[in-house]
Amino acid sequence: MHELAPGLRYWFAPHPAWREDDNWPEGVLCAYCEAPDALVLFDPLVPRGEEDEFWRALDRDVERLGMPVRVLLTAPWHDRDTTLVVERYGADVWAHPEALWKGPVLTTTQELPAGIEAFLQEGNEEGQAFFFIRRLQTLVTGDMFSGTGGRFHVFVSPEEPNPEAFLASLSGLLELPIERVLIAHGDPVLSNGLAEIRKALESA
């Protein structure tokens, strides 16, 4: 676990479906946030070989906070180990309500934890979402930004049916006071996040 601020952490876990010819690193980012009314996990994946240690640490946090566990998915296919979290803690799950993704999706709530905002981009029919934790100035993006290739950039899925509308809608992020950007693939942006997003949009 890497702690960014009190109640805000992230970790990397090796993706079980990763192959050497994939264009993204084996380790994918997951995040943890203590909201005023919940312990929140973004795109959770339990690190292989460290399962017992992971669950013990999370159990301690759940007991310490005494609040429900909630899972937020930046994309429906990022459900990863969501089922295990649901089974262990009775967590509810938020995923994009209009996703066209055909895979398994656990969507049990339309309510977001306090202090966390969802941004659903126009032209994004795959069901991806940004989450903004305003008090921590942190944006959790999943796949819509990427750090692959050694640079922070916009990633437009080849399956996206309306890439022009999607790219145009990203300019709304420039109105947010973003300091950090947590992305699924590659190193997170831990400072000057808004400036990095602006540069990424200019080169998209």
C-alpha atoms as a PDB file:
ATOM      1  CA  MET A   1       0.000   0.000   0.000  1.00  0.00           C
ATOM      2  CA  HIS A   2       1.199   3.510  -0.840  1.00  0.00           C
ATOM      3  CA  GLU A   3      -0.356   6.212   1.344  1.00  0.00           C
ATOM      4  CA  LEU A   4      -0.954   9.536  -0.397  1.00  0.00           C
ATOM      5  CA  ALA A   5      -2.878  11.269   2.384  1.00  0.00           C
ATOM      6  CA  PRO A   6      -4.704  10.160   5.531  1.00  0.00           C
ATOM      7  CA  GLY A   7      -7.376   7.746   4.312  1.00  0.00           C
ATOM      8  CA  LEU A   8      -6.138   7.631   0.706  1.00  0.00           C
ATOM      9  CA  ARG A   9      -3.964   4.772  -0.555  1.00  0.00           C
ATOM     10  CA  TYR A  10      -3.233   2.833  -3.707  1.00  0.00           C
ATOM     11  CA  TRP A  11      -1.587  -0.455  -4.547  1.00  0.00           C
ATOM     12  CA  PHE A  12      -0.571  -2.485  -7.567  1.00  0.00           C
ATOM     13  CA  ALA A  13      -1.579  -6.109  -8.095  1.00  0.00           C
ATOM     14  CA  PRO A  14      -0.618  -8.428 -10.974  1.00  0.00           C
ATOM     15  CA  HIS A  15      -3.529  -8.914 -13.329  1.00  0.00           C
ATOM     16  CA  PRO A  16      -4.327 -12.634 -13.721  1.00  0.00           C
ATOM     17  CA  ALA A  17      -5.198 -12.277 -17.420  1.00  0.00           C
ATOM     18  CA  TRP A  18      -2.015 -10.376 -18.335  1.00  0.00           C
ATOM     19  CA  ARG A  19       0.157 -11.718 -21.163  1.00  0.00           C
ATOM     20  CA  GLU A  20       3.671 -10.727 -22.146  1.00  0.00           C
ATOM     21  CA  ASP A  21       2.487  -9.327 -25.460  1.00  0.00           C
ATOM     22  CA  ASP A  22      -0.012  -6.956 -23.800  1.00  0.00           C
ATOM     23  CA  ASN A  23       0.744  -3.253 -24.216  1.00  0.00           C
ATOM     24  CA  TRP A  24       0.180  -2.498 -20.528  1.00  0.00           C
ATOM     25  CA  PRO A  25       2.129  -3.493 -17.394  1.00  0.00           C
ATOM     26  CA  GLU A  26       1.191  -6.626 -15.481  1.00  0.00           C
ATOM     27  CA  GLY A  27       0.606  -4.640 -12.296  1.00  0.00           C
ATOM     28  CA  VAL A  28      -2.672  -2.688 -12.308  1.00  0.00           C
ATOM     29  CA  LEU A  29      -3.605   0.052  -9.879  1.00  0.00           C
ATOM     30  CA  CYS A  30      -6.337  -0.216  -7.261  1.00  0.00           C
ATOM     31  CA  ALA A  31      -7.268   2.453  -4.719  1.00  0.00           C
ATOM     32  CA  TYR A  32      -8.629   2.785  -1.183  1.00  0.00           C
ATOM     33  CA  CYS A  33     -10.394   5.831   0.265  1.00  0.00           C
ATOM     34  CA  GLU A  34     -11.993   6.517   3.621  1.00  0.00           C
ATOM     35  CA  ALA A  35     -15.110   8.533   2.780  1.00  0.00           C
ATOM     36  CA  PRO A  36     -17.246  10.126   5.526  1.00  0.00           C
ATOM     37  CA  ASP A  37     -19.787   7.300   5.280  1.00  0.00           C
ATOM     38  CA  ALA A  38     -17.914   4.306   3.832  1.00  0.00           C
ATOM     39  CA  LEU A  39     -14.656   2.514   3.222  1.00  0.00           C
ATOM     40  CA  VAL A  40     -14.319   2.712  -0.563  1.00  0.00           C
ATOM     41  CA  LEU A  41     -12.372   0.404  -2.879  1.00  0.00           C
ATOM     42  CA  PHE A  42     -11.829   1.347  -6.509  1.00  0.00           C
ATOM     43  CA  ASP A  43     -11.395  -1.552  -8.984  1.00  0.00           C
ATOM     44  CA  PRO A  44     -10.169  -3.950  -6.269  1.00  0.00           C
ATOM     45  CA  LEU A  45      -7.734  -6.754  -7.068  1.00  0.00           C
ATOM     46  CA  VAL A  46      -6.129  -8.807  -4.307  1.00  0.00           C
ATOM     47  CA  PRO A  47      -2.344  -9.199  -4.775  1.00  0.00           C
ATOM     48  CA  ARG A  48      -1.472 -12.801  -5.605  1.00  0.00           C
ATOM     49  CA  GLY A  49       0.671 -14.449  -2.955  1.00  0.00           C
ATOM     50  CA  GLU A  50      -0.262 -11.761  -0.408  1.00  0.00           C
ATOM     51  CA  GLU A  51      -3.917 -12.629   0.034  1.00  0.00           C
ATOM     52  CA  ASP A  52      -3.825 -13.337   3.785  1.00  0.00           C
ATOM     53  CA  GLU A  53      -1.885 -10.173   4.580  1.00  0.00           C
ATOM     54  CA  PHE A  54      -4.187  -8.094   2.388  1.00  0.00           C
ATOM     55  CA  TRP A  55      -7.399  -9.380   3.961  1.00  0.00           C
ATOM     56  CA  ARG A  56      -6.066  -9.015   7.513  1.00  0.00           C
ATOM     57  CA  ALA A  57      -5.133  -5.392   6.872  1.00  0.00           C
ATOM     58  CA  LEU A  58      -8.472  -4.630   5.260  1.00  0.00           C
ATOM     59  CA  ASP A  59     -10.344  -6.393   8.076  1.00  0.00           C
ATOM     60  CA  ARG A  60      -8.571  -4.120  10.568  1.00  0.00           C
ATOM     61  CA  ASP A  61      -9.580  -1.022   8.617  1.00  0.00           C
ATOM     62  CA  VAL A  62     -13.187  -2.164   8.355  1.00  0.00           C
ATOM     63  CA  GLU A  63     -13.328  -2.831  12.100  1.00  0.00           C
ATOM     64  CA  ARG A  64     -11.607   0.469  12.933  1.00  0.00           C
ATOM     65  CA  LEU A  65     -13.928   2.583  10.808  1.00  0.00           C
ATOM     66  CA  GLY A  66     -17.148   0.741  11.584  1.00  0.00           C
ATOM     67  CA  MET A  67     -18.618   1.789   8.229  1.00  0.00           C
ATOM     68  CA  PRO A  68     -19.906  -0.156   5.231  1.00  0.00           C
ATOM     69  CA  VAL A  69     -17.574  -1.202   2.423  1.00  0.00           C
ATOM     70  CA  ARG A  70     -18.407   0.077  -1.035  1.00  0.00           C
ATOM     71  CA  VAL A  71     -16.861  -0.748  -4.415  1.00  0.00           C
ATOM     72  CA  LEU A  72     -16.682   1.760  -7.279  1.00  0.00           C
ATOM     73  CA  LEU A  73     -15.785   0.541 -10.765  1.00  0.00           C
ATOM     74  CA  THR A  74     -14.123   2.858 -13.257  1.00  0.00           C
ATOM     75  CA  ALA A  75     -15.181   0.351 -15.924  1.00  0.00           C
ATOM     76  CA  PRO A  76     -17.443  -2.701 -15.790  1.00  0.00           C
ATOM     77  CA  TRP A  77     -14.572  -5.013 -16.782  1.00  0.00           C
ATOM     78  CA  HIS A  78     -12.598  -3.769 -13.755  1.00  0.00           C
ATOM     79  CA  ASP A  79     -14.778  -5.861 -11.456  1.00  0.00           C
ATOM     80  CA  ARG A  80     -11.656  -7.990 -10.800  1.00  0.00           C
ATOM     81  CA  ASP A  81     -12.041  -9.307  -7.207  1.00  0.00           C
ATOM     82  CA  THR A  82     -15.233  -7.400  -6.504  1.00  0.00           C
ATOM     83  CA  THR A  83     -17.144 -10.624  -5.867  1.00  0.00           C
ATOM     84  CA  LEU A  84     -14.725 -11.543  -3.069  1.00  0.00           C
ATOM     85  CA  VAL A  85     -15.182  -8.118  -1.457  1.00  0.00           C
ATOM     86  CA  VAL A  86     -18.961  -8.443  -1.687  1.00  0.00           C
ATOM     87  CA  GLU A  87     -18.894 -11.915  -0.149  1.00  0.00           C
ATOM     88  CA  ARG A  88     -16.598 -10.902   2.699  1.00  0.00           C
ATOM     89  CA  TYR A  89     -18.110  -7.557   3.685  1.00  0.00           C
ATOM     90  CA  GLY A  90     -21.561  -7.402   2.123  1.00  0.00           C
ATOM     91  CA  ALA A  91     -20.339  -4.474   0.031  1.00  0.00           C
ATOM     92  CA  ASP A  92     -22.514  -2.740  -2.518  1.00  0.00           C
ATOM     93  CA  VAL A  93     -21.144  -1.947  -5.971  1.00  0.00           C
ATOM     94  CA  TRP A  94     -21.449   1.079  -8.252  1.00  0.00           C
ATOM     95  CA  ALA A  95     -20.854   0.733 -11.995  1.00  0.00           C
ATOM     96  CA  HIS A  96     -21.873   2.992 -14.871  1.00  0.00           C
ATOM     97  CA  PRO A  97     -25.694   2.740 -15.009  1.00  0.00           C
ATOM     98  CA  GLU A  98     -25.826   2.803 -18.823  1.00  0.00           C
ATOM     99  CA  ALA A  99     -22.914   0.513 -19.639  1.00  0.00           C
ATOM    100  CA  LEU A 100     -23.160  -1.503 -22.837  1.00  0.00           C
ATOM    101  CA  TRP A 101     -20.464  -3.873 -21.592  1.00  0.00           C
ATOM    102  CA  LYS A 102     -21.681  -7.467 -21.998  1.00  0.00           C
ATOM    103  CA  GLY A 103     -19.494  -9.112 -19.381  1.00  0.00           C
ATOM    104  CA  PRO A 104     -20.392  -9.795 -15.740  1.00  0.00           C
ATOM    105  CA  VAL A 105     -21.296  -6.649 -13.835  1.00  0.00           C
ATOM    106  CA  LEU A 106     -22.310  -6.411 -10.204  1.00  0.00           C
ATOM    107  CA  THR A 107     -24.327  -3.221  -9.923  1.00  0.00           C
ATOM    108  CA  THR A 108     -26.206  -3.006  -6.659  1.00  0.00           C
ATOM    109  CA  THR A 109     -26.508   0.727  -6.074  1.00  0.00           C
ATOM    110  CA  GLN A 110     -26.817   4.056  -7.871  1.00  0.00           C
ATOM    111  CA  GLU A 111     -25.753   6.040  -4.796  1.00  0.00           C
ATOM    112  CA  LEU A 112     -22.160   7.230  -4.409  1.00  0.00           C
ATOM    113  CA  PRO A 113     -20.278   7.561  -1.132  1.00  0.00           C
ATOM    114  CA  ALA A 114     -20.248  11.034   0.392  1.00  0.00           C
ATOM    115  CA  GLY A 115     -17.605  13.323  -1.076  1.00  0.00           C
ATOM    116  CA  ILE A 116     -17.028  11.273  -4.229  1.00  0.00           C
ATOM    117  CA  GLU A 117     -18.378  12.504  -7.570  1.00  0.00           C
ATOM    118  CA  ALA A 118     -18.772  10.443 -10.738  1.00  0.00           C
ATOM    119  CA  PHE A 119     -18.151  11.995 -14.150  1.00  0.00           C
ATOM    120  CA  LEU A 120     -19.704  10.110 -17.056  1.00  0.00           C
ATOM    121  CA  GLN A 121     -18.197  11.287 -20.311  1.00  0.00           C
ATOM    122  CA  GLU A 122     -20.232  11.909 -23.458  1.00  0.00           C
ATOM    123  CA  GLY A 123     -19.491   9.518 -26.286  1.00  0.00           C
ATOM    124  CA  ASN A 124     -18.385   6.912 -23.781  1.00  0.00           C
ATOM    125  CA  GLU A 125     -20.703   3.988 -24.438  1.00  0.00           C
ATOM    126  CA  GLU A 126     -18.459   1.327 -22.913  1.00  0.00           C
ATOM    127  CA  GLY A 127     -19.469   2.312 -19.409  1.00  0.00           C
ATOM    128  CA  GLN A 128     -16.356   3.990 -18.052  1.00  0.00           C
ATOM    129  CA  ALA A 129     -16.403   6.626 -15.311  1.00  0.00           C
ATOM    130  CA  PHE A 130     -14.109   9.103 -13.601  1.00  0.00           C
ATOM    131  CA  PHE A 131     -14.354   9.512  -9.839  1.00  0.00           C
ATOM    132  CA  PHE A 132     -13.293  12.772  -8.192  1.00  0.00           C
ATOM    133  CA  ILE A 133     -12.517  12.921  -4.474  1.00  0.00           C
ATOM    134  CA  ARG A 134     -12.801  16.662  -4.063  1.00  0.00           C
ATOM    135  CA  ARG A 135     -11.422  17.057  -0.532  1.00  0.00           C
ATOM    136  CA  LEU A 136      -8.299  15.143  -1.591  1.00  0.00           C
ATOM    137  CA  GLN A 137      -8.106  16.700  -5.078  1.00  0.00           C
ATOM    138  CA  THR A 138      -7.738  13.209  -6.530  1.00  0.00           C
ATOM    139  CA  LEU A 139      -9.145  11.866  -9.796  1.00  0.00           C
ATOM    140  CA  VAL A 140      -9.481   8.090 -10.268  1.00  0.00           C
ATOM    141  CA  THR A 141      -9.705   7.370 -13.989  1.00  0.00           C
ATOM    142  CA  GLY A 142      -9.319   3.697 -14.805  1.00  0.00           C
ATOM    143  CA  ASP A 143      -8.469   3.280 -18.495  1.00  0.00           C
ATOM    144  CA  MET A 144      -9.415   6.693 -19.908  1.00  0.00           C
ATOM    145  CA  PHE A 145      -5.942   7.998 -19.148  1.00  0.00           C
ATOM    146  CA  SER A 146      -2.867   5.786 -19.320  1.00  0.00           C
ATOM    147  CA  GLY A 147       0.799   5.829 -18.407  1.00  0.00           C
ATOM    148  CA  THR A 148       1.889   3.200 -20.898  1.00  0.00           C
ATOM    149  CA  GLY A 149       4.851   3.971 -23.104  1.00  0.00           C
ATOM    150  CA  GLY A 150       6.421   6.064 -20.351  1.00  0.00           C
ATOM    151  CA  ARG A 151       4.072   9.032 -20.714  1.00  0.00           C
ATOM    152  CA  PHE A 152       0.737  10.153 -19.352  1.00  0.00           C
ATOM    153  CA  HIS A 153      -1.806  10.309 -22.175  1.00  0.00           C
ATOM    154  CA  VAL A 154      -5.470   9.950 -23.140  1.00  0.00           C
ATOM    155  CA  PHE A 155      -6.494   6.444 -24.111  1.00  0.00           C
ATOM    156  CA  VAL A 156      -9.442   6.031 -26.469  1.00  0.00           C
ATOM    157  CA  SER A 157     -10.623   2.444 -26.694  1.00  0.00           C
ATOM    158  CA  PRO A 158     -10.734   1.060 -30.256  1.00  0.00           C
ATOM    159  CA  GLU A 159     -14.209  -0.224 -29.330  1.00  0.00           C
ATOM    160  CA  GLU A 160     -15.478   3.277 -28.531  1.00  0.00           C
ATOM    161  CA  PRO A 161     -18.194   4.114 -31.115  1.00  0.00           C
ATOM    162  CA  ASN A 162     -17.957   7.908 -30.772  1.00  0.00           C
ATOM    163  CA  PRO A 163     -14.348   8.890 -30.031  1.00  0.00           C
ATOM    164  CA  GLU A 164     -14.799  12.503 -31.138  1.00  0.00           C
ATOM    165  CA  ALA A 165     -17.540  13.162 -28.584  1.00  0.00           C
ATOM    166  CA  PHE A 166     -15.554  11.358 -25.924  1.00  0.00           C
ATOM    167  CA  LEU A 167     -12.440  13.467 -26.469  1.00  0.00           C
ATOM    168  CA  ALA A 168     -14.440  16.699 -26.568  1.00  0.00           C
ATOM    169  CA  SER A 169     -16.110  15.927 -23.264  1.00  0.00           C
ATOM    170  CA  LEU A 170     -12.795  15.483 -21.437  1.00  0.00           C
ATOM    171  CA  SER A 171     -12.274  19.259 -21.421  1.00  0.00           C
ATOM    172  CA  GLY A 172     -14.734  19.430 -18.524  1.00  0.00           C
ATOM    173  CA  LEU A 173     -12.022  17.966 -16.289  1.00  0.00           C
ATOM    174  CA  LEU A 174     -10.066  21.212 -16.624  1.00  0.00           C
ATOM    175  CA  GLU A 175     -12.592  22.885 -14.329  1.00  0.00           C
ATOM    176  CA  LEU A 176     -11.679  20.609 -11.401  1.00  0.00           C
ATOM    177  CA  PRO A 177      -8.930  21.319  -8.822  1.00  0.00           C
ATOM    178  CA  ILE A 178      -7.026  18.116  -9.591  1.00  0.00           C
ATOM    179  CA  GLU A 179      -3.701  17.451  -7.885  1.00  0.00           C
ATOM    180  CA  ARG A 180      -3.430  13.652  -8.284  1.00  0.00           C
ATOM    181  CA  VAL A 181      -4.546  11.268 -11.041  1.00  0.00           C
ATOM    182  CA  LEU A 182      -4.752   7.545 -10.304  1.00  0.00           C
ATOM    183  CA  ILE A 183      -4.748   5.463 -13.492  1.00  0.00           C
ATOM    184  CA  ALA A 184      -5.162   1.719 -14.004  1.00  0.00           C
ATOM    185  CA  HIS A 185      -2.070   1.201 -16.167  1.00  0.00           C
ATOM    186  CA  GLY A 186       1.230   2.927 -15.483  1.00  0.00           C
ATOM    187  CA  ASP A 187       2.517   5.218 -12.755  1.00  0.00           C
ATOM    188  CA  PRO A 188       0.014   7.575 -11.133  1.00  0.00           C
ATOM    189  CA  VAL A 189       0.352  11.350 -11.341  1.00  0.00           C
ATOM    190  CA  LEU A 190       1.003  12.453  -7.761  1.00  0.00           C
ATOM    191  CA  SER A 191       1.318  16.219  -8.258  1.00  0.00           C
ATOM    192  CA  ASN A 192       0.288  18.894 -10.777  1.00  0.00           C
ATOM    193  CA  GLY A 193      -2.450  16.602 -12.055  1.00  0.00           C
ATOM    194  CA  LEU A 194      -4.446  19.338 -13.770  1.00  0.00           C
ATOM    195  CA  ALA A 195      -1.397  20.475 -15.757  1.00  0.00           C
ATOM    196  CA  GLU A 196      -0.694  16.889 -16.811  1.00  0.00           C
ATOM    197  CA  ILE A 197      -4.287  16.420 -17.944  1.00  0.00           C
ATOM    198  CA  ARG A 198      -4.119  19.652 -19.949  1.00  0.00           C
ATOM    199  CA  LYS A 199      -0.952  18.477 -21.721  1.00  0.00           C
ATOM    200  CA  ALA A 200      -2.502  15.089 -22.430  1.00  0.00           C
ATOM    201  CA  LEU A 201      -5.606  16.682 -23.959  1.00  0.00           C
ATOM    202  CA  GLU A 202      -3.529  19.029 -26.097  1.00  0.00           C
ATOM    203  CA  SER A 203      -1.644  16.101 -27.605  1.00  0.00           C
ATOM    204  CA  ALA A 204      -4.635  13.754 -27.988  1.00  0.00           C
END
